[in-house]
Amino acid sequence: MQTKYELTLDKPILILGIGNLLMGDEGAGVHVVRYLDKNYDLKNADIVDGGTGGFHLLEYFHRYPRVILVDATMDGKPPGTVQLLKPKFSGDYPPTLTAHDIGLKNLLDALQLTNHQPDVWLYTISIARLDKVTLKLSAEIEKAIPKAARQIVE
């Protein structure tokens, strides 16, 4: 049996993985939160599979002072590159977020209309392409999953 790493966070945090598992590497964000849930016991953090994003996730943003999003991006960087961004506005998101980028950008715009502005951190994992329909991850993205998880908990 594998031992979970324990970590207590100083304030409530939501870790939200975004992606479509049916499109291979595009589901990287969801794979990262599943990895975190399986391998870490994060006190004071909720880990959520956000699927392909959208306005239904807005309620989560109102519950937490910090929200960590994890998503795939086609940004031209080598596949498996993990990067941290701290977007304040929808225009701060990379222009090439994958298939669900409109939902996340609209979600951030909607947050601007409310009185609650959580501290949003975005971890991106660079992918090379959008696959049609596959559950399989490329070797580069498989290696990036634990790397992204470690960066999030550090």
C-alpha atoms as a PDB file:
ATOM      1  CA  MET A   1       0.000   0.000   0.000  1.00  0.00           C
ATOM      2  CA  GLN A   2       1.331   3.431  -0.987  1.00  0.00           C
ATOM      3  CA  THR A   3       1.724   6.037   1.752  1.00  0.00           C
ATOM      4  CA  LYS A   4       0.177   9.437   1.107  1.00  0.00           C
ATOM      5  CA  TYR A   5       2.271  12.534   1.702  1.00  0.00           C
ATOM      6  CA  GLU A   6       0.612  14.784   4.295  1.00  0.00           C
ATOM      7  CA  LEU A   7       0.597  18.568   4.065  1.00  0.00           C
ATOM      8  CA  THR A   8      -1.426  21.125   6.028  1.00  0.00           C
ATOM      9  CA  LEU A   9      -2.078  24.373   4.171  1.00  0.00           C
ATOM     10  CA  ASP A  10      -2.382  27.685   6.020  1.00  0.00           C
ATOM     11  CA  LYS A  11      -5.690  28.711   4.414  1.00  0.00           C
ATOM     12  CA  PRO A  12      -8.461  26.915   2.510  1.00  0.00           C
ATOM     13  CA  ILE A  13      -7.502  26.253  -1.092  1.00  0.00           C
ATOM     14  CA  LEU A  14      -9.358  24.763  -4.032  1.00  0.00           C
ATOM     15  CA  ILE A  15      -7.281  22.780  -6.512  1.00  0.00           C
ATOM     16  CA  LEU A  16      -9.322  22.485  -9.688  1.00  0.00           C
ATOM     17  CA  GLY A  17      -8.230  20.308 -12.604  1.00  0.00           C
ATOM     18  CA  ILE A  18      -9.658  21.210 -15.998  1.00  0.00           C
ATOM     19  CA  GLY A  19      -9.635  19.010 -19.095  1.00  0.00           C
ATOM     20  CA  ASN A  20     -11.300  16.389 -21.200  1.00  0.00           C
ATOM     21  CA  LEU A  21     -10.075  12.890 -20.364  1.00  0.00           C
ATOM     22  CA  LEU A  22     -11.432  11.594 -23.670  1.00  0.00           C
ATOM     23  CA  MET A  23      -8.974  13.754 -25.634  1.00  0.00           C
ATOM     24  CA  GLY A  24      -5.659  12.365 -24.374  1.00  0.00           C
ATOM     25  CA  ASP A  25      -3.181  15.048 -23.310  1.00  0.00           C
ATOM     26  CA  GLU A  26      -5.952  17.665 -23.217  1.00  0.00           C
ATOM     27  CA  GLY A  27      -7.088  16.036 -19.961  1.00  0.00           C
ATOM     28  CA  ALA A  28      -3.765  16.740 -18.207  1.00  0.00           C
ATOM     29  CA  GLY A  29      -5.330  19.022 -15.574  1.00  0.00           C
ATOM     30  CA  VAL A  30      -7.762  16.341 -14.462  1.00  0.00           C
ATOM     31  CA  HIS A  31      -4.959  13.758 -14.362  1.00  0.00           C
ATOM     32  CA  VAL A  32      -2.940  16.063 -12.071  1.00  0.00           C
ATOM     33  CA  VAL A  33      -5.760  16.498  -9.529  1.00  0.00           C
ATOM     34  CA  ARG A  34      -6.400  12.755  -9.550  1.00  0.00           C
ATOM     35  CA  TYR A  35      -2.689  12.189  -8.900  1.00  0.00           C
ATOM     36  CA  LEU A  36      -2.784  14.699  -6.030  1.00  0.00           C
ATOM     37  CA  ASP A  37      -5.855  13.039  -4.534  1.00  0.00           C
ATOM     38  CA  LYS A  38      -4.239   9.603  -4.719  1.00  0.00           C
ATOM     39  CA  ASN A  39      -0.759  10.538  -3.466  1.00  0.00           C
ATOM     40  CA  TYR A  40      -1.221  13.478  -1.078  1.00  0.00           C
ATOM     41  CA  ASP A  41      -3.320  14.085   2.014  1.00  0.00           C
ATOM     42  CA  LEU A  42      -3.757  17.846   1.744  1.00  0.00           C
ATOM     43  CA  LYS A  43      -5.309  19.302   4.883  1.00  0.00           C
ATOM     44  CA  ASN A  44      -7.342  22.473   4.249  1.00  0.00           C
ATOM     45  CA  ALA A  45      -7.518  21.850   0.483  1.00  0.00           C
ATOM     46  CA  ASP A  46     -10.299  20.514  -1.677  1.00  0.00           C
ATOM     47  CA  ILE A  47      -9.371  18.744  -4.894  1.00  0.00           C
ATOM     48  CA  VAL A  48     -11.987  18.880  -7.656  1.00  0.00           C
ATOM     49  CA  ASP A  49     -12.225  17.445 -11.169  1.00  0.00           C
ATOM     50  CA  GLY A  50     -13.662  20.423 -13.054  1.00  0.00           C
ATOM     51  CA  GLY A  51     -14.136  18.561 -16.334  1.00  0.00           C
ATOM     52  CA  THR A  52     -14.162  20.935 -19.273  1.00  0.00           C
ATOM     53  CA  GLY A  53     -14.839  24.044 -17.192  1.00  0.00           C
ATOM     54  CA  GLY A  54     -17.727  26.472 -17.493  1.00  0.00           C
ATOM     55  CA  PHE A  55     -19.979  28.667 -15.388  1.00  0.00           C
ATOM     56  CA  HIS A  56     -21.103  25.782 -13.163  1.00  0.00           C
ATOM     57  CA  LEU A  57     -17.680  26.105 -11.485  1.00  0.00           C
ATOM     58  CA  LEU A  58     -18.348  29.706 -10.397  1.00  0.00           C
ATOM     59  CA  GLU A  59     -19.756  28.595  -7.036  1.00  0.00           C
ATOM     60  CA  TYR A  60     -16.399  26.982  -6.158  1.00  0.00           C
ATOM     61  CA  PHE A  61     -14.561  30.270  -6.679  1.00  0.00           C
ATOM     62  CA  HIS A  62     -16.767  31.939  -4.054  1.00  0.00           C
ATOM     63  CA  ARG A  63     -15.848  29.445  -1.336  1.00  0.00           C
ATOM     64  CA  TYR A  64     -12.063  29.842  -1.314  1.00  0.00           C
ATOM     65  CA  PRO A  65      -9.542  32.664  -0.883  1.00  0.00           C
ATOM     66  CA  ARG A  66      -7.165  30.880  -3.290  1.00  0.00           C
ATOM     67  CA  VAL A  67      -8.008  28.759  -6.325  1.00  0.00           C
ATOM     68  CA  ILE A  68      -5.367  26.728  -8.118  1.00  0.00           C
ATOM     69  CA  LEU A  69      -6.352  25.790 -11.666  1.00  0.00           C
ATOM     70  CA  VAL A  70      -4.506  23.082 -13.574  1.00  0.00           C
ATOM     71  CA  ASP A  71      -4.969  22.930 -17.337  1.00  0.00           C
ATOM     72  CA  ALA A  72      -3.308  21.934 -20.591  1.00  0.00           C
ATOM     73  CA  THR A  73      -2.166  24.541 -23.090  1.00  0.00           C
ATOM     74  CA  MET A  74      -0.838  24.535 -26.632  1.00  0.00           C
ATOM     75  CA  ASP A  75       1.680  27.347 -26.150  1.00  0.00           C
ATOM     76  CA  GLY A  76       4.505  26.140 -28.389  1.00  0.00           C
ATOM     77  CA  LYS A  77       6.685  25.101 -25.449  1.00  0.00           C
ATOM     78  CA  PRO A  78       8.057  21.540 -25.308  1.00  0.00           C
ATOM     79  CA  PRO A  79       5.336  19.042 -24.331  1.00  0.00           C
ATOM     80  CA  GLY A  80       5.335  18.445 -20.589  1.00  0.00           C
ATOM     81  CA  THR A  81       6.529  21.945 -19.656  1.00  0.00           C
ATOM     82  CA  VAL A  82       4.850  23.017 -16.403  1.00  0.00           C
ATOM     83  CA  GLN A  83       4.392  26.735 -15.842  1.00  0.00           C
ATOM     84  CA  LEU A  84       2.763  28.839 -13.096  1.00  0.00           C
ATOM     85  CA  LEU A  85       0.781  31.940 -14.083  1.00  0.00           C
ATOM     86  CA  LYS A  86      -1.159  34.254 -11.776  1.00  0.00           C
ATOM     87  CA  PRO A  87      -3.895  35.713 -14.000  1.00  0.00           C
ATOM     88  CA  LYS A  88      -5.982  38.602 -12.699  1.00  0.00           C
ATOM     89  CA  PHE A  89      -8.111  39.146 -15.810  1.00  0.00           C
ATOM     90  CA  SER A  90      -9.290  36.910 -18.640  1.00  0.00           C
ATOM     91  CA  GLY A  91      -6.771  38.593 -20.952  1.00  0.00           C
ATOM     92  CA  ASP A  92      -3.968  37.297 -18.721  1.00  0.00           C
ATOM     93  CA  TYR A  93      -4.713  33.711 -19.754  1.00  0.00           C
ATOM     94  CA  PRO A  94      -2.537  32.220 -22.464  1.00  0.00           C
ATOM     95  CA  PRO A  95      -4.267  32.750 -25.837  1.00  0.00           C
ATOM     96  CA  THR A  96      -3.880  29.092 -26.715  1.00  0.00           C
ATOM     97  CA  LEU A  97      -5.509  27.291 -23.811  1.00  0.00           C
ATOM     98  CA  THR A  98      -7.098  24.140 -25.106  1.00  0.00           C
ATOM     99  CA  ALA A  99     -10.656  23.385 -26.212  1.00  0.00           C
ATOM    100  CA  HIS A 100     -12.407  24.801 -23.134  1.00  0.00           C
ATOM    101  CA  ASP A 101     -10.526  28.133 -22.900  1.00  0.00           C
ATOM    102  CA  ILE A 102     -13.615  30.254 -23.579  1.00  0.00           C
ATOM    103  CA  GLY A 103     -15.331  28.822 -20.510  1.00  0.00           C
ATOM    104  CA  LEU A 104     -12.394  29.640 -18.205  1.00  0.00           C
ATOM    105  CA  LYS A 105     -11.925  33.122 -19.614  1.00  0.00           C
ATOM    106  CA  ASN A 106     -15.646  33.823 -19.280  1.00  0.00           C
ATOM    107  CA  LEU A 107     -15.547  32.461 -15.744  1.00  0.00           C
ATOM    108  CA  LEU A 108     -12.820  34.946 -14.804  1.00  0.00           C
ATOM    109  CA  ASP A 109     -14.794  37.763 -16.420  1.00  0.00           C
ATOM    110  CA  ALA A 110     -17.855  36.738 -14.382  1.00  0.00           C
ATOM    111  CA  LEU A 111     -15.766  36.802 -11.190  1.00  0.00           C
ATOM    112  CA  GLN A 112     -14.888  40.427 -11.925  1.00  0.00           C
ATOM    113  CA  LEU A 113     -18.602  41.235 -11.559  1.00  0.00           C
ATOM    114  CA  THR A 114     -18.783  39.799  -8.039  1.00  0.00           C
ATOM    115  CA  ASN A 115     -17.365  41.067  -4.767  1.00  0.00           C
ATOM    116  CA  HIS A 116     -15.281  37.927  -4.264  1.00  0.00           C
ATOM    117  CA  GLN A 117     -11.940  37.889  -6.038  1.00  0.00           C
ATOM    118  CA  PRO A 118      -9.958  34.810  -5.030  1.00  0.00           C
ATOM    119  CA  ASP A 119      -6.235  34.636  -5.611  1.00  0.00           C
ATOM    120  CA  VAL A 120      -6.121  32.514  -8.801  1.00  0.00           C
ATOM    121  CA  TRP A 121      -3.022  30.536  -9.718  1.00  0.00           C
ATOM    122  CA  LEU A 122      -2.926  28.715 -13.043  1.00  0.00           C
ATOM    123  CA  TYR A 123      -0.578  25.800 -13.609  1.00  0.00           C
ATOM    124  CA  THR A 124      -0.334  24.983 -17.295  1.00  0.00           C
ATOM    125  CA  ILE A 125       1.058  21.840 -18.862  1.00  0.00           C
ATOM    126  CA  SER A 126       2.206  22.302 -22.436  1.00  0.00           C
ATOM    127  CA  ILE A 127       0.848  19.797 -24.934  1.00  0.00           C
ATOM    128  CA  ALA A 128       1.723  19.344 -28.598  1.00  0.00           C
ATOM    129  CA  ARG A 129      -1.676  18.534 -30.056  1.00  0.00           C
ATOM    130  CA  LEU A 130      -5.341  17.845 -29.410  1.00  0.00           C
ATOM    131  CA  ASP A 131      -6.126  14.181 -29.866  1.00  0.00           C
ATOM    132  CA  LYS A 132      -9.428  13.091 -31.368  1.00  0.00           C
ATOM    133  CA  VAL A 133     -10.629  10.451 -28.909  1.00  0.00           C
ATOM    134  CA  THR A 134      -8.199   8.558 -26.702  1.00  0.00           C
ATOM    135  CA  LEU A 135      -7.726   7.894 -23.009  1.00  0.00           C
ATOM    136  CA  LYS A 136      -3.954   7.511 -23.448  1.00  0.00           C
ATOM    137  CA  LEU A 137      -1.488  10.231 -22.472  1.00  0.00           C
ATOM    138  CA  SER A 138       1.733  10.864 -24.375  1.00  0.00           C
ATOM    139  CA  ALA A 139       4.961   9.900 -22.588  1.00  0.00           C
ATOM    140  CA  GLU A 140       5.864  13.579 -22.031  1.00  0.00           C
ATOM    141  CA  ILE A 141       2.558  14.355 -20.345  1.00  0.00           C
ATOM    142  CA  GLU A 142       2.666  11.195 -18.212  1.00  0.00           C
ATOM    143  CA  LYS A 143       6.028  12.400 -16.861  1.00  0.00           C
ATOM    144  CA  ALA A 144       4.669  15.920 -16.310  1.00  0.00           C
ATOM    145  CA  ILE A 145       1.759  14.795 -14.083  1.00  0.00           C
ATOM    146  CA  PRO A 146       3.818  14.068 -10.918  1.00  0.00           C
ATOM    147  CA  LYS A 147       6.073  17.062 -11.677  1.00  0.00           C
ATOM    148  CA  ALA A 148       3.063  19.407 -11.769  1.00  0.00           C
ATOM    149  CA  ALA A 149       1.669  17.869  -8.570  1.00  0.00           C
ATOM    150  CA  ARG A 150       4.969  18.448  -6.743  1.00  0.00           C
ATOM    151  CA  GLN A 151       5.093  22.072  -7.903  1.00  0.00           C
ATOM    152  CA  ILE A 152       1.552  22.665  -6.657  1.00  0.00           C
ATOM    153  CA  VAL A 153       2.243  21.369  -3.141  1.00  0.00           C
ATOM    154  CA  GLU A 154       5.566  23.197  -2.826  1.00  0.00           C
END
